[in-house]
Amino acid sequence: SNYCADSVKGRFTISRDKAKNTVYLQMNSL
């Protein structure tokens, strides 16, 4: 389950890879 601030909603996406113990932040339309 994920949440984004209003300032980045629709442009940024948070995700995670549990096997790699890694979280990502995909930033578009910077």
PDB file of all heavy atoms in Angstrom:
ATOM      1  N   SER A   1       0.845  -1.189   0.000  1.00  0.00           N
ATOM      2  CA  SER A   1       0.000   0.000   0.000  1.00  0.00           C
ATOM      3  C   SER A   1       0.878   1.236   0.000  1.00  0.00           C
ATOM      4  O   SER A   1       1.836   1.326   0.771  1.00  0.00           O
ATOM      5  CB  SER A   1      -0.910   0.012   1.223  1.00  0.00           C
ATOM      6  OG  SER A   1      -1.766  -1.118   1.221  1.00  0.00           O
ATOM      7  N   ASN A   2       0.563   2.183  -0.860  1.00  0.00           N
ATOM      8  CA  ASN A   2       1.452   3.325  -0.996  1.00  0.00           C
ATOM      9  C   ASN A   2       0.694   4.637  -1.081  1.00  0.00           C
ATOM     10  O   ASN A   2      -0.491   4.681  -1.434  1.00  0.00           O
ATOM     11  CB  ASN A   2       2.384   3.157  -2.205  1.00  0.00           C
ATOM     12  CG  ASN A   2       1.620   3.018  -3.502  1.00  0.00           C
ATOM     13  OD1 ASN A   2       1.302   4.016  -4.145  1.00  0.00           O
ATOM     14  ND2 ASN A   2       1.329   1.784  -3.895  1.00  0.00           N
ATOM     15  N   TYR A   3       1.413   5.711  -0.772  1.00  0.00           N
ATOM     16  CA  TYR A   3       0.831   7.046  -0.693  1.00  0.00           C
ATOM     17  C   TYR A   3       1.832   8.051  -1.235  1.00  0.00           C
ATOM     18  O   TYR A   3       3.037   7.877  -1.087  1.00  0.00           O
ATOM     19  CB  TYR A   3       0.487   7.403   0.755  1.00  0.00           C
ATOM     20  CG  TYR A   3      -0.310   6.343   1.464  1.00  0.00           C
ATOM     21  CD1 TYR A   3       0.332   5.277   2.092  1.00  0.00           C
ATOM     22  CD2 TYR A   3      -1.695   6.398   1.499  1.00  0.00           C
ATOM     23  CE1 TYR A   3      -0.398   4.295   2.739  1.00  0.00           C
ATOM     24  CE2 TYR A   3      -2.434   5.420   2.143  1.00  0.00           C
ATOM     25  CZ  TYR A   3      -1.776   4.366   2.760  1.00  0.00           C
ATOM     26  OH  TYR A   3      -2.500   3.394   3.400  1.00  0.00           O
ATOM     27  N   CYS A   4       1.329   9.101  -1.838  1.00  0.00           N
ATOM     28  CA  CYS A   4       2.172  10.172  -2.350  1.00  0.00           C
ATOM     29  C   CYS A   4       1.651  11.526  -1.881  1.00  0.00           C
ATOM     30  O   CYS A   4       0.447  11.718  -1.717  1.00  0.00           O
ATOM     31  CB  CYS A   4       2.212  10.163  -3.869  1.00  0.00           C
ATOM     32  SG  CYS A   4       3.156   8.809  -4.597  1.00  0.00           S
ATOM     33  N   ALA A   5       2.566  12.450  -1.698  1.00  0.00           N
ATOM     34  CA  ALA A   5       2.182  13.812  -1.381  1.00  0.00           C
ATOM     35  C   ALA A   5       1.456  14.437  -2.565  1.00  0.00           C
ATOM     36  O   ALA A   5       1.703  14.080  -3.722  1.00  0.00           O
ATOM     37  CB  ALA A   5       3.418  14.637  -1.023  1.00  0.00           C
ATOM     38  N   ASP A   6       0.564  15.378  -2.273  1.00  0.00           N
ATOM     39  CA  ASP A   6      -0.198  16.031  -3.332  1.00  0.00           C
ATOM     40  C   ASP A   6       0.713  16.708  -4.351  1.00  0.00           C
ATOM     41  O   ASP A   6       0.382  16.764  -5.541  1.00  0.00           O
ATOM     42  CB  ASP A   6      -1.155  17.060  -2.736  1.00  0.00           C
ATOM     43  CG  ASP A   6      -2.308  16.419  -1.992  1.00  0.00           C
ATOM     44  OD1 ASP A   6      -2.584  15.225  -2.212  1.00  0.00           O
ATOM     45  OD2 ASP A   6      -2.946  17.125  -1.188  1.00  0.00           O
ATOM     46  N   SER A   7       1.853  17.201  -3.903  1.00  0.00           N
ATOM     47  CA  SER A   7       2.750  17.922  -4.787  1.00  0.00           C
ATOM     48  C   SER A   7       3.369  17.049  -5.869  1.00  0.00           C
ATOM     49  O   SER A   7       3.839  17.567  -6.885  1.00  0.00           O
ATOM     50  CB  SER A   7       3.858  18.599  -3.972  1.00  0.00           C
ATOM     51  OG  SER A   7       4.616  17.637  -3.257  1.00  0.00           O
ATOM     52  N   VAL A   8       3.389  15.727  -5.655  1.00  0.00           N
ATOM     53  CA  VAL A   8       4.007  14.832  -6.627  1.00  0.00           C
ATOM     54  C   VAL A   8       3.042  13.795  -7.173  1.00  0.00           C
ATOM     55  O   VAL A   8       3.420  13.001  -8.050  1.00  0.00           O
ATOM     56  CB  VAL A   8       5.241  14.117  -6.029  1.00  0.00           C
ATOM     57  CG1 VAL A   8       6.245  15.133  -5.515  1.00  0.00           C
ATOM     58  CG2 VAL A   8       4.824  13.157  -4.917  1.00  0.00           C
ATOM     59  N   LYS A   9       1.812  13.779  -6.687  1.00  0.00           N
ATOM     60  CA  LYS A   9       0.830  12.791  -7.112  1.00  0.00           C
ATOM     61  C   LYS A   9       0.614  12.871  -8.620  1.00  0.00           C
ATOM     62  O   LYS A   9       0.450  13.952  -9.183  1.00  0.00           O
ATOM     63  CB  LYS A   9      -0.479  13.004  -6.360  1.00  0.00           C
ATOM     64  CG  LYS A   9      -1.454  11.847  -6.457  1.00  0.00           C
ATOM     65  CD  LYS A   9      -2.613  12.035  -5.473  1.00  0.00           C
ATOM     66  CE  LYS A   9      -2.110  12.058  -4.035  1.00  0.00           C
ATOM     67  NZ  LYS A   9      -3.238  12.229  -3.065  1.00  0.00           N
ATOM     68  N   GLY A  10       0.621  11.713  -9.261  1.00  0.00           N
ATOM     69  CA  GLY A  10       0.470  11.650 -10.704  1.00  0.00           C
ATOM     70  C   GLY A  10       1.783  11.713 -11.451  1.00  0.00           C
ATOM     71  O   GLY A  10       1.820  11.408 -12.651  1.00  0.00           O
ATOM     72  N   ARG A  11       2.857  12.100 -10.776  1.00  0.00           N
ATOM     73  CA  ARG A  11       4.172  12.190 -11.396  1.00  0.00           C
ATOM     74  C   ARG A  11       5.169  11.196 -10.801  1.00  0.00           C
ATOM     75  O   ARG A  11       5.993  10.641 -11.518  1.00  0.00           O
ATOM     76  CB  ARG A  11       4.742  13.603 -11.260  1.00  0.00           C
ATOM     77  CG  ARG A  11       3.896  14.679 -11.926  1.00  0.00           C
ATOM     78  CD  ARG A  11       4.614  16.018 -11.930  1.00  0.00           C
ATOM     79  NE  ARG A  11       4.866  16.510 -10.574  1.00  0.00           N
ATOM     80  CZ  ARG A  11       6.083  16.786 -10.101  1.00  0.00           C
ATOM     81  NH1 ARG A  11       7.156  16.625 -10.864  1.00  0.00           N
ATOM     82  NH2 ARG A  11       6.224  17.240  -8.861  1.00  0.00           N
ATOM     83  N   PHE A  12       5.100  10.988  -9.488  1.00  0.00           N
ATOM     84  CA  PHE A  12       6.028  10.094  -8.794  1.00  0.00           C
ATOM     85  C   PHE A  12       5.310   8.813  -8.391  1.00  0.00           C
ATOM     86  O   PHE A  12       4.122   8.826  -8.052  1.00  0.00           O
ATOM     87  CB  PHE A  12       6.580  10.746  -7.526  1.00  0.00           C
ATOM     88  CG  PHE A  12       7.513  11.907  -7.752  1.00  0.00           C
ATOM     89  CD1 PHE A  12       7.681  12.476  -9.005  1.00  0.00           C
ATOM     90  CD2 PHE A  12       8.229  12.421  -6.679  1.00  0.00           C
ATOM     91  CE1 PHE A  12       8.534  13.544  -9.199  1.00  0.00           C
ATOM     92  CE2 PHE A  12       9.089  13.491  -6.862  1.00  0.00           C
ATOM     93  CZ  PHE A  12       9.242  14.055  -8.118  1.00  0.00           C
ATOM     94  N   THR A  13       6.044   7.706  -8.383  1.00  0.00           N
ATOM     95  CA  THR A  13       5.516   6.423  -7.950  1.00  0.00           C
ATOM     96  C   THR A  13       6.523   5.730  -7.045  1.00  0.00           C
ATOM     97  O   THR A  13       7.696   5.614  -7.402  1.00  0.00           O
ATOM     98  CB  THR A  13       5.209   5.507  -9.147  1.00  0.00           C
ATOM     99  OG1 THR A  13       4.283   6.154 -10.025  1.00  0.00           O
ATOM    100  CG2 THR A  13       4.615   4.186  -8.670  1.00  0.00           C
ATOM    101  N   ILE A  14       6.064   5.265  -5.884  1.00  0.00           N
ATOM    102  CA  ILE A  14       6.914   4.513  -4.979  1.00  0.00           C
ATOM    103  C   ILE A  14       6.604   3.028  -5.129  1.00  0.00           C
ATOM    104  O   ILE A  14       5.445   2.637  -5.297  1.00  0.00           O
ATOM    105  CB  ILE A  14       6.742   4.981  -3.513  1.00  0.00           C
ATOM    106  CG1 ILE A  14       7.769   4.301  -2.608  1.00  0.00           C
ATOM    107  CG2 ILE A  14       5.321   4.737  -3.031  1.00  0.00           C
ATOM    108  CD1 ILE A  14       7.809   4.873  -1.190  1.00  0.00           C
ATOM    109  N   SER A  15       7.631   2.198  -5.066  1.00  0.00           N
ATOM    110  CA  SER A  15       7.458   0.755  -5.164  1.00  0.00           C
ATOM    111  C   SER A  15       8.564   0.065  -4.386  1.00  0.00           C
ATOM    112  O   SER A  15       9.518   0.717  -3.952  1.00  0.00           O
ATOM    113  CB  SER A  15       7.461   0.293  -6.624  1.00  0.00           C
ATOM    114  OG  SER A  15       8.698   0.578  -7.249  1.00  0.00           O
ATOM    115  N   ARG A  16       8.437  -1.250  -4.192  1.00  0.00           N
ATOM    116  CA  ARG A  16       9.485  -1.981  -3.503  1.00  0.00           C
ATOM    117  C   ARG A  16       9.668  -3.360  -4.101  1.00  0.00           C
ATOM    118  O   ARG A  16       8.738  -3.936  -4.674  1.00  0.00           O
ATOM    119  CB  ARG A  16       9.216  -2.089  -1.987  1.00  0.00           C
ATOM    120  CG  ARG A  16       8.369  -3.294  -1.542  1.00  0.00           C
ATOM    121  CD  ARG A  16       6.911  -3.037  -1.728  1.00  0.00           C
ATOM    122  NE  ARG A  16       6.069  -4.011  -1.043  1.00  0.00           N
ATOM    123  CZ  ARG A  16       5.387  -4.950  -1.656  1.00  0.00           C
ATOM    124  NH1 ARG A  16       5.446  -5.056  -2.990  1.00  0.00           N
ATOM    125  NH2 ARG A  16       4.618  -5.778  -0.972  1.00  0.00           N
ATOM    126  N   ASP A  17      10.881  -3.880  -3.973  1.00  0.00           N
ATOM    127  CA  ASP A  17      11.237  -5.230  -4.364  1.00  0.00           C
ATOM    128  C   ASP A  17      11.644  -5.946  -3.088  1.00  0.00           C
ATOM    129  O   ASP A  17      12.741  -5.725  -2.571  1.00  0.00           O
ATOM    130  CB  ASP A  17      12.373  -5.218  -5.387  1.00  0.00           C
ATOM    131  CG  ASP A  17      12.685  -6.592  -5.942  1.00  0.00           C
ATOM    132  OD1 ASP A  17      12.535  -7.595  -5.216  1.00  0.00           O
ATOM    133  OD2 ASP A  17      13.094  -6.671  -7.114  1.00  0.00           O
ATOM    134  N   LYS A  18      10.769  -6.783  -2.569  1.00  0.00           N
ATOM    135  CA  LYS A  18      11.011  -7.428  -1.289  1.00  0.00           C
ATOM    136  C   LYS A  18      12.223  -8.364  -1.336  1.00  0.00           C
ATOM    137  O   LYS A  18      12.966  -8.463  -0.360  1.00  0.00           O
ATOM    138  CB  LYS A  18       9.765  -8.187  -0.840  1.00  0.00           C
ATOM    139  CG  LYS A  18       8.563  -7.274  -0.594  1.00  0.00           C
ATOM    140  CD  LYS A  18       7.303  -8.053  -0.261  1.00  0.00           C
ATOM    141  CE  LYS A  18       7.364  -8.664   1.119  1.00  0.00           C
ATOM    142  NZ  LYS A  18       6.068  -9.297   1.483  1.00  0.00           N
ATOM    143  N   ALA A  19      12.426  -9.033  -2.454  1.00  0.00           N
ATOM    144  CA  ALA A  19      13.556  -9.953  -2.579  1.00  0.00           C
ATOM    145  C   ALA A  19      14.888  -9.224  -2.505  1.00  0.00           C
ATOM    146  O   ALA A  19      15.883  -9.782  -2.044  1.00  0.00           O
ATOM    147  CB  ALA A  19      13.458 -10.745  -3.877  1.00  0.00           C
ATOM    148  N   LYS A  20      14.918  -7.981  -2.965  1.00  0.00           N
ATOM    149  CA  LYS A  20      16.148  -7.195  -2.972  1.00  0.00           C
ATOM    150  C   LYS A  20      16.247  -6.223  -1.803  1.00  0.00           C
ATOM    151  O   LYS A  20      17.241  -5.497  -1.696  1.00  0.00           O
ATOM    152  CB  LYS A  20      16.266  -6.413  -4.276  1.00  0.00           C
ATOM    153  CG  LYS A  20      16.398  -7.278  -5.516  1.00  0.00           C
ATOM    154  CD  LYS A  20      16.537  -6.418  -6.761  1.00  0.00           C
ATOM    155  CE  LYS A  20      16.711  -7.272  -7.999  1.00  0.00           C
ATOM    156  NZ  LYS A  20      16.851  -6.445  -9.228  1.00  0.00           N
ATOM    157  N   ASN A  21      15.237  -6.205  -0.951  1.00  0.00           N
ATOM    158  CA  ASN A  21      15.196  -5.253   0.164  1.00  0.00           C
ATOM    159  C   ASN A  21      15.439  -3.828  -0.329  1.00  0.00           C
ATOM    160  O   ASN A  21      16.208  -3.068   0.262  1.00  0.00           O
ATOM    161  CB  ASN A  21      16.221  -5.621   1.243  1.00  0.00           C
ATOM    162  CG  ASN A  21      15.808  -6.830   2.048  1.00  0.00           C
ATOM    163  OD1 ASN A  21      14.630  -7.021   2.342  1.00  0.00           O
ATOM    164  ND2 ASN A  21      16.778  -7.653   2.415  1.00  0.00           N
ATOM    165  N   THR A  22      14.757  -3.483  -1.395  1.00  0.00           N
ATOM    166  CA  THR A  22      14.985  -2.205  -2.050  1.00  0.00           C
ATOM    167  C   THR A  22      13.662  -1.494  -2.318  1.00  0.00           C
ATOM    168  O   THR A  22      12.691  -2.119  -2.737  1.00  0.00           O
ATOM    169  CB  THR A  22      15.745  -2.393  -3.372  1.00  0.00           C
ATOM    170  OG1 THR A  22      17.019  -2.997  -3.102  1.00  0.00           O
ATOM    171  CG2 THR A  22      15.966  -1.067  -4.074  1.00  0.00           C
ATOM    172  N   VAL A  23      13.652  -0.193  -2.092  1.00  0.00           N
ATOM    173  CA  VAL A  23      12.506   0.639  -2.415  1.00  0.00           C
ATOM    174  C   VAL A  23      12.925   1.623  -3.497  1.00  0.00           C
ATOM    175  O   VAL A  23      14.077   2.064  -3.531  1.00  0.00           O
ATOM    176  CB  VAL A  23      11.968   1.367  -1.160  1.00  0.00           C
ATOM    177  CG1 VAL A  23      12.995   2.338  -0.600  1.00  0.00           C
ATOM    178  CG2 VAL A  23      10.664   2.084  -1.478  1.00  0.00           C
ATOM    179  N   TYR A  24      11.996   1.954  -4.390  1.00  0.00           N
ATOM    180  CA  TYR A  24      12.280   2.823  -5.510  1.00  0.00           C
ATOM    181  C   TYR A  24      11.356   4.037  -5.503  1.00  0.00           C
ATOM    182  O   TYR A  24      10.236   3.995  -4.991  1.00  0.00           O
ATOM    183  CB  TYR A  24      12.093   2.086  -6.837  1.00  0.00           C
ATOM    184  CG  TYR A  24      12.922   0.834  -6.969  1.00  0.00           C
ATOM    185  CD1 TYR A  24      12.380  -0.410  -6.661  1.00  0.00           C
ATOM    186  CD2 TYR A  24      14.239   0.893  -7.404  1.00  0.00           C
ATOM    187  CE1 TYR A  24      13.130  -1.564  -6.783  1.00  0.00           C
ATOM    188  CE2 TYR A  24      14.996  -0.259  -7.526  1.00  0.00           C
ATOM    189  CZ  TYR A  24      14.441  -1.482  -7.218  1.00  0.00           C
ATOM    190  OH  TYR A  24      15.193  -2.629  -7.336  1.00  0.00           O
ATOM    191  N   LEU A  25      11.833   5.102  -6.106  1.00  0.00           N
ATOM    192  CA  LEU A  25      11.000   6.262  -6.368  1.00  0.00           C
ATOM    193  C   LEU A  25      11.169   6.628  -7.834  1.00  0.00           C
ATOM    194  O   LEU A  25      12.216   7.138  -8.232  1.00  0.00           O
ATOM    195  CB  LEU A  25      11.381   7.444  -5.474  1.00  0.00           C
ATOM    196  CG  LEU A  25      10.489   8.671  -5.611  1.00  0.00           C
ATOM    197  CD1 LEU A  25       9.084   8.377  -5.085  1.00  0.00           C
ATOM    198  CD2 LEU A  25      11.085   9.872  -4.886  1.00  0.00           C
ATOM    199  N   GLN A  26      10.153   6.332  -8.631  1.00  0.00           N
ATOM    200  CA  GLN A  26      10.156   6.695 -10.038  1.00  0.00           C
ATOM    201  C   GLN A  26       9.610   8.105 -10.169  1.00  0.00           C
ATOM    202  O   GLN A  26       8.472   8.373  -9.782  1.00  0.00           O
ATOM    203  CB  GLN A  26       9.305   5.721 -10.850  1.00  0.00           C
ATOM    204  CG  GLN A  26       9.230   6.040 -12.329  1.00  0.00           C
ATOM    205  CD  GLN A  26      10.555   5.890 -13.032  1.00  0.00           C
ATOM    206  OE1 GLN A  26      11.244   4.885 -12.859  1.00  0.00           O
ATOM    207  NE2 GLN A  26      10.931   6.885 -13.824  1.00  0.00           N
ATOM    208  N   MET A  27      10.409   9.006 -10.714  1.00  0.00           N
ATOM    209  CA  MET A  27      10.043  10.404 -10.831  1.00  0.00           C
ATOM    210  C   MET A  27       9.933  10.769 -12.305  1.00  0.00           C
ATOM    211  O   MET A  27      10.912  10.696 -13.045  1.00  0.00           O
ATOM    212  CB  MET A  27      11.072  11.296 -10.143  1.00  0.00           C
ATOM    213  CG  MET A  27      11.319  10.934  -8.681  1.00  0.00           C
ATOM    214  SD  MET A  27      12.439  12.090  -7.843  1.00  0.00           S
ATOM    215  CE  MET A  27      13.951  11.749  -8.740  1.00  0.00           C
ATOM    216  N   ASN A  28       8.741  11.150 -12.721  1.00  0.00           N
ATOM    217  CA  ASN A  28       8.479  11.557 -14.092  1.00  0.00           C
ATOM    218  C   ASN A  28       8.039  13.012 -14.123  1.00  0.00           C
ATOM    219  O   ASN A  28       7.638  13.578 -13.112  1.00  0.00           O
ATOM    220  CB  ASN A  28       7.394  10.679 -14.715  1.00  0.00           C
ATOM    221  CG  ASN A  28       7.773   9.218 -14.789  1.00  0.00           C
ATOM    222  OD1 ASN A  28       8.931   8.870 -15.017  1.00  0.00           O
ATOM    223  ND2 ASN A  28       6.787   8.341 -14.610  1.00  0.00           N
ATOM    224  N   SER A  29       8.101  13.601 -15.301  1.00  0.00           N
ATOM    225  CA  SER A  29       7.678  14.994 -15.493  1.00  0.00           C
ATOM    226  C   SER A  29       8.306  15.916 -14.456  1.00  0.00           C
ATOM    227  O   SER A  29       7.632  16.733 -13.824  1.00  0.00           O
ATOM    228  CB  SER A  29       6.149  15.093 -15.448  1.00  0.00           C
ATOM    229  OG  SER A  29       5.553  14.277 -16.433  1.00  0.00           O
ATOM    230  N   LEU A  30       9.594  15.792 -14.281  1.00  0.00           N
ATOM    231  CA  LEU A  30      10.294  16.554 -13.246  1.00  0.00           C
ATOM    232  C   LEU A  30      10.240  18.052 -13.520  1.00  0.00           C
ATOM    233  O   LEU A  30      10.312  18.488 -14.664  1.00  0.00           O
ATOM    234  CB  LEU A  30      11.738  16.089 -13.146  1.00  0.00           C
ATOM    235  CG  LEU A  30      11.913  14.761 -12.403  1.00  0.00           C
ATOM    236  CD1 LEU A  30      13.264  14.140 -12.717  1.00  0.00           C
ATOM    237  CD2 LEU A  30      11.758  14.980 -10.904  1.00  0.00           C
TER     238      LEU A  30
END
